[in-house]
Amino acid sequence: MSAKETVAVGQLLGLLESRYAIRVLWALRDGHAQTFRLLQDSVGGITPNTLNTRIKELREAGLLTHGSDGYIVTPTGADLLKRLGDLQAFAVKWSTSLAKKAK
C-alpha cells in the first residue's frame, strides 16, 4: 500500500471511528431519507448534539446529504455502505462462532 493510500484509509477510518458514525450511515443503508428525529430513533441512544456533530462530519465528508424528505446517503455514501455490506454476513458468522465456543 502506498503512503497516499495509507493516508486515505487512515482518514476514512478516523471518520468512521467517531462515536455513532457508522451507525448513522448504517441506519440510512436502505436508501430512504429520514428526518432528524427518525434518524435519532433509528440509531438509538445517540444524543441530539452527537447526532448533529456526526451529520455535520458525514456531510463534510460527502457521505450524507439533506434532501426535501430528510437525511440520505450520497452516491459515495451508498458505495461505502455497499462495500460494508459484507460486514453483516461476517458479523453473523463471527457471532455464531463465538456462541459455539462459549458452550
N, C-alpha and C. Protein backbone atom coordinates (compact mmCIF):
# COMPACT_ATOMS: atom_id res chain seq x y z
N MET A 1 0.84 -1.16 0.00
CA MET A 1 0.00 0.00 0.00
C MET A 1 0.89 1.24 0.00
N SER A 2 0.55 2.18 -0.88
CA SER A 2 1.36 3.39 -0.96
C SER A 2 1.07 4.31 0.23
N ALA A 3 1.92 5.29 0.41
CA ALA A 3 1.73 6.25 1.50
C ALA A 3 0.41 7.01 1.32
N LYS A 4 0.10 7.35 0.09
CA LYS A 4 -1.14 8.08 -0.20
C LYS A 4 -2.36 7.22 0.16
N GLU A 5 -2.30 5.94 -0.19
CA GLU A 5 -3.40 5.02 0.14
C GLU A 5 -3.51 4.85 1.65
N THR A 6 -2.39 4.76 2.33
CA THR A 6 -2.39 4.62 3.78
C THR A 6 -3.03 5.83 4.45
N VAL A 7 -2.71 7.01 3.95
CA VAL A 7 -3.31 8.24 4.49
C VAL A 7 -4.81 8.24 4.24
N ALA A 8 -5.23 7.86 3.03
CA ALA A 8 -6.65 7.85 2.70
C ALA A 8 -7.42 6.87 3.58
N VAL A 9 -6.88 5.69 3.79
CA VAL A 9 -7.52 4.69 4.66
C VAL A 9 -7.58 5.22 6.09
N GLY A 10 -6.50 5.82 6.54
CA GLY A 10 -6.47 6.40 7.88
C GLY A 10 -7.51 7.48 8.07
N GLN A 11 -7.68 8.33 7.05
CA GLN A 11 -8.68 9.39 7.13
C GLN A 11 -10.09 8.80 7.22
N LEU A 12 -10.37 7.81 6.39
CA LEU A 12 -11.69 7.19 6.40
C LEU A 12 -11.95 6.48 7.73
N LEU A 13 -10.98 5.73 8.20
CA LEU A 13 -11.16 5.04 9.48
C LEU A 13 -11.32 6.04 10.63
N GLY A 14 -10.58 7.13 10.57
CA GLY A 14 -10.72 8.16 11.59
C GLY A 14 -12.13 8.71 11.65
N LEU A 15 -12.71 8.94 10.49
CA LEU A 15 -14.09 9.42 10.43
C LEU A 15 -15.07 8.37 10.95
N LEU A 16 -14.91 7.14 10.48
CA LEU A 16 -15.85 6.08 10.85
C LEU A 16 -15.70 5.63 12.30
N GLU A 17 -14.53 5.87 12.91
CA GLU A 17 -14.33 5.51 14.31
C GLU A 17 -15.02 6.48 15.26
N SER A 18 -15.42 7.64 14.75
CA SER A 18 -16.14 8.60 15.59
C SER A 18 -17.41 7.94 16.11
N ARG A 19 -17.69 8.19 17.37
CA ARG A 19 -18.83 7.53 18.01
C ARG A 19 -20.10 7.70 17.19
N TYR A 20 -20.73 6.61 16.86
CA TYR A 20 -22.00 6.51 16.14
C TYR A 20 -21.92 6.80 14.64
N ALA A 21 -20.77 7.13 14.09
CA ALA A 21 -20.68 7.48 12.67
C ALA A 21 -21.17 6.33 11.78
N ILE A 22 -20.66 5.14 12.00
CA ILE A 22 -21.08 4.00 11.19
C ILE A 22 -22.55 3.70 11.43
N ARG A 23 -23.00 3.85 12.65
CA ARG A 23 -24.41 3.56 12.96
C ARG A 23 -25.33 4.54 12.25
N VAL A 24 -24.92 5.80 12.12
CA VAL A 24 -25.73 6.77 11.39
C VAL A 24 -25.82 6.36 9.92
N LEU A 25 -24.70 6.04 9.32
CA LEU A 25 -24.71 5.58 7.93
C LEU A 25 -25.52 4.30 7.77
N TRP A 26 -25.31 3.36 8.70
CA TRP A 26 -25.98 2.07 8.63
C TRP A 26 -27.50 2.24 8.71
N ALA A 27 -27.95 3.20 9.51
CA ALA A 27 -29.39 3.45 9.65
C ALA A 27 -30.00 3.95 8.33
N LEU A 28 -29.17 4.48 7.46
CA LEU A 28 -29.64 5.01 6.17
C LEU A 28 -29.35 4.07 5.00
N ARG A 29 -28.92 2.87 5.30
CA ARG A 29 -28.46 1.95 4.25
C ARG A 29 -29.55 1.54 3.27
N ASP A 30 -30.83 1.63 3.65
CA ASP A 30 -31.90 1.22 2.75
C ASP A 30 -32.18 2.26 1.66
N GLY A 31 -31.52 3.42 1.74
CA GLY A 31 -31.68 4.44 0.71
C GLY A 31 -32.86 5.37 0.93
N HIS A 32 -33.61 5.18 1.99
CA HIS A 32 -34.75 6.04 2.28
C HIS A 32 -34.32 7.19 3.20
N ALA A 33 -34.79 8.38 2.88
CA ALA A 33 -34.48 9.55 3.68
C ALA A 33 -35.13 9.43 5.06
N GLN A 34 -34.47 9.99 6.06
CA GLN A 34 -35.00 10.01 7.41
C GLN A 34 -34.88 11.41 7.99
N THR A 35 -35.92 11.84 8.69
CA THR A 35 -35.86 13.11 9.40
C THR A 35 -34.86 12.97 10.55
N PHE A 36 -34.51 14.10 11.14
CA PHE A 36 -33.57 14.08 12.27
C PHE A 36 -34.10 13.17 13.38
N ARG A 37 -35.36 13.34 13.74
CA ARG A 37 -35.95 12.57 14.85
C ARG A 37 -35.97 11.07 14.51
N LEU A 38 -36.36 10.73 13.29
CA LEU A 38 -36.39 9.32 12.89
C LEU A 38 -34.99 8.73 12.88
N LEU A 39 -34.03 9.51 12.39
CA LEU A 39 -32.64 9.04 12.37
C LEU A 39 -32.13 8.83 13.79
N GLN A 40 -32.48 9.73 14.69
CA GLN A 40 -32.08 9.58 16.09
C GLN A 40 -32.67 8.30 16.67
N ASP A 41 -33.94 8.02 16.37
CA ASP A 41 -34.57 6.79 16.84
C ASP A 41 -33.94 5.56 16.20
N SER A 42 -33.61 5.64 14.91
CA SER A 42 -33.01 4.51 14.19
C SER A 42 -31.64 4.15 14.74
N VAL A 43 -30.86 5.16 15.10
CA VAL A 43 -29.52 4.92 15.64
C VAL A 43 -29.64 4.41 17.07
N GLY A 44 -30.50 5.01 17.85
CA GLY A 44 -30.72 4.58 19.23
C GLY A 44 -29.61 5.00 20.16
N GLY A 45 -29.97 5.66 21.25
CA GLY A 45 -29.01 6.03 22.27
C GLY A 45 -28.12 7.21 21.95
N ILE A 46 -28.34 7.85 20.83
CA ILE A 46 -27.50 8.99 20.44
C ILE A 46 -28.18 10.29 20.89
N THR A 47 -27.40 11.18 21.45
CA THR A 47 -27.96 12.46 21.87
C THR A 47 -28.11 13.37 20.65
N PRO A 48 -29.01 14.35 20.71
CA PRO A 48 -29.17 15.27 19.59
C PRO A 48 -27.87 15.99 19.23
N ASN A 49 -27.09 16.38 20.24
CA ASN A 49 -25.84 17.06 19.99
C ASN A 49 -24.85 16.17 19.24
N THR A 50 -24.74 14.93 19.66
CA THR A 50 -23.83 13.99 18.98
C THR A 50 -24.30 13.72 17.57
N LEU A 51 -25.61 13.55 17.39
CA LEU A 51 -26.14 13.30 16.04
C LEU A 51 -25.85 14.50 15.14
N ASN A 52 -26.06 15.71 15.64
CA ASN A 52 -25.75 16.91 14.85
C ASN A 52 -24.29 16.92 14.43
N THR A 53 -23.41 16.57 15.35
CA THR A 53 -21.97 16.55 15.05
C THR A 53 -21.66 15.51 13.99
N ARG A 54 -22.21 14.29 14.13
CA ARG A 54 -21.94 13.24 13.15
C ARG A 54 -22.51 13.62 11.79
N ILE A 55 -23.71 14.19 11.77
CA ILE A 55 -24.30 14.60 10.49
C ILE A 55 -23.41 15.63 9.81
N LYS A 56 -22.93 16.59 10.56
CA LYS A 56 -22.05 17.62 10.00
C LYS A 56 -20.79 16.98 9.42
N GLU A 57 -20.16 16.10 10.18
CA GLU A 57 -18.93 15.44 9.71
C GLU A 57 -19.18 14.59 8.47
N LEU A 58 -20.27 13.83 8.48
CA LEU A 58 -20.57 12.96 7.34
C LEU A 58 -20.97 13.76 6.10
N ARG A 59 -21.62 14.90 6.31
CA ARG A 59 -21.95 15.79 5.18
C ARG A 59 -20.67 16.38 4.61
N GLU A 60 -19.77 16.85 5.49
CA GLU A 60 -18.50 17.43 5.03
C GLU A 60 -17.66 16.39 4.29
N ALA A 61 -17.79 15.14 4.67
CA ALA A 61 -17.05 14.05 4.02
C ALA A 61 -17.71 13.59 2.72
N GLY A 62 -18.88 14.14 2.41
CA GLY A 62 -19.57 13.78 1.17
C GLY A 62 -20.30 12.46 1.22
N LEU A 63 -20.57 11.96 2.42
CA LEU A 63 -21.24 10.66 2.56
C LEU A 63 -22.74 10.78 2.85
N LEU A 64 -23.15 11.96 3.25
CA LEU A 64 -24.53 12.18 3.68
C LEU A 64 -24.97 13.54 3.17
N THR A 65 -26.25 13.67 2.87
CA THR A 65 -26.80 14.95 2.45
C THR A 65 -28.20 15.09 3.03
N HIS A 66 -28.73 16.28 2.91
CA HIS A 66 -30.09 16.54 3.39
C HIS A 66 -30.94 16.94 2.19
N GLY A 67 -31.98 16.17 1.96
CA GLY A 67 -32.89 16.48 0.87
C GLY A 67 -34.23 16.96 1.41
N SER A 68 -35.21 17.03 0.56
CA SER A 68 -36.53 17.54 0.96
C SER A 68 -37.22 16.63 1.96
N ASP A 69 -36.88 15.35 1.97
CA ASP A 69 -37.52 14.39 2.88
C ASP A 69 -36.68 14.06 4.11
N GLY A 70 -35.48 14.60 4.19
CA GLY A 70 -34.62 14.32 5.34
C GLY A 70 -33.22 13.95 4.91
N TYR A 71 -32.52 13.28 5.78
CA TYR A 71 -31.13 12.88 5.53
C TYR A 71 -31.09 11.59 4.72
N ILE A 72 -30.13 11.55 3.83
CA ILE A 72 -29.96 10.39 2.95
C ILE A 72 -28.48 10.29 2.58
N VAL A 73 -28.04 9.07 2.30
CA VAL A 73 -26.64 8.92 1.88
C VAL A 73 -26.48 9.41 0.45
N THR A 74 -25.31 9.93 0.16
CA THR A 74 -24.95 10.35 -1.19
C THR A 74 -24.57 9.10 -2.00
N PRO A 75 -24.36 9.23 -3.29
CA PRO A 75 -23.86 8.08 -4.05
C PRO A 75 -22.53 7.54 -3.48
N THR A 76 -21.68 8.42 -2.99
CA THR A 76 -20.42 7.98 -2.37
C THR A 76 -20.70 7.22 -1.09
N GLY A 77 -21.65 7.72 -0.29
CA GLY A 77 -22.04 7.03 0.93
C GLY A 77 -22.64 5.67 0.63
N ALA A 78 -23.45 5.60 -0.42
CA ALA A 78 -24.05 4.33 -0.82
C ALA A 78 -22.97 3.34 -1.26
N ASP A 79 -21.95 3.84 -1.94
CA ASP A 79 -20.84 2.98 -2.36
C ASP A 79 -20.11 2.42 -1.14
N LEU A 80 -19.86 3.27 -0.15
CA LEU A 80 -19.23 2.81 1.08
C LEU A 80 -20.08 1.75 1.76
N LEU A 81 -21.38 2.01 1.87
CA LEU A 81 -22.28 1.04 2.52
C LEU A 81 -22.32 -0.28 1.76
N LYS A 82 -22.26 -0.20 0.44
CA LYS A 82 -22.21 -1.43 -0.37
C LYS A 82 -20.96 -2.24 -0.02
N ARG A 83 -19.87 -1.55 0.13
CA ARG A 83 -18.61 -2.22 0.46
C ARG A 83 -18.61 -2.75 1.89
N LEU A 84 -19.37 -2.10 2.77
CA LEU A 84 -19.50 -2.58 4.14
C LEU A 84 -20.58 -3.66 4.27
N GLY A 85 -21.27 -3.95 3.19
CA GLY A 85 -22.35 -4.94 3.21
C GLY A 85 -21.91 -6.31 3.70
N ASP A 86 -20.68 -6.67 3.40
CA ASP A 86 -20.17 -7.96 3.86
C ASP A 86 -20.04 -8.00 5.38
N LEU A 87 -20.04 -6.85 6.00
CA LEU A 87 -19.93 -6.76 7.45
C LEU A 87 -21.07 -7.51 8.14
N GLN A 88 -22.26 -7.40 7.60
CA GLN A 88 -23.41 -8.07 8.21
C GLN A 88 -23.23 -9.59 8.17
N ALA A 89 -22.86 -10.12 7.03
CA ALA A 89 -22.65 -11.57 6.91
C ALA A 89 -21.52 -12.02 7.82
N PHE A 90 -20.44 -11.24 7.85
CA PHE A 90 -19.32 -11.58 8.71
C PHE A 90 -19.75 -11.56 10.18
N ALA A 91 -20.50 -10.53 10.58
CA ALA A 91 -20.92 -10.39 11.98
C ALA A 91 -21.75 -11.58 12.43
N VAL A 92 -22.65 -12.04 11.58
CA VAL A 92 -23.49 -13.20 11.93
C VAL A 92 -22.62 -14.44 12.09
N LYS A 93 -21.71 -14.65 11.14
CA LYS A 93 -20.81 -15.81 11.20
C LYS A 93 -19.93 -15.74 12.43
N TRP A 94 -19.37 -14.60 12.71
CA TRP A 94 -18.50 -14.40 13.86
C TRP A 94 -19.24 -14.61 15.17
N SER A 95 -20.43 -14.02 15.27
CA SER A 95 -21.24 -14.16 16.48
C SER A 95 -21.61 -15.62 16.74
N THR A 96 -21.94 -16.34 15.69
CA THR A 96 -22.29 -17.76 15.81
C THR A 96 -21.08 -18.56 16.30
N SER A 97 -19.90 -18.25 15.76
CA SER A 97 -18.70 -18.99 16.18
C SER A 97 -18.37 -18.68 17.64
N LEU A 98 -18.59 -17.45 18.08
CA LEU A 98 -18.36 -17.11 19.49
C LEU A 98 -19.32 -17.86 20.40
N ALA A 99 -20.57 -17.94 19.97
CA ALA A 99 -21.59 -18.64 20.78
C ALA A 99 -21.23 -20.13 20.92
N LYS A 100 -20.71 -20.72 19.83
CA LYS A 100 -20.33 -22.13 19.89
C LYS A 100 -19.15 -22.34 20.82
N LYS A 101 -18.21 -21.42 20.84
CA LYS A 101 -17.04 -21.53 21.71
C LYS A 101 -17.43 -21.37 23.18
N ALA A 102 -18.49 -20.60 23.43
CA ALA A 102 -18.92 -20.34 24.81
C ALA A 102 -19.63 -21.54 25.42
N LYS A 103 -20.07 -22.47 24.59
CA LYS A 103 -20.81 -23.64 25.10
C LYS A 103 -19.89 -24.68 25.68
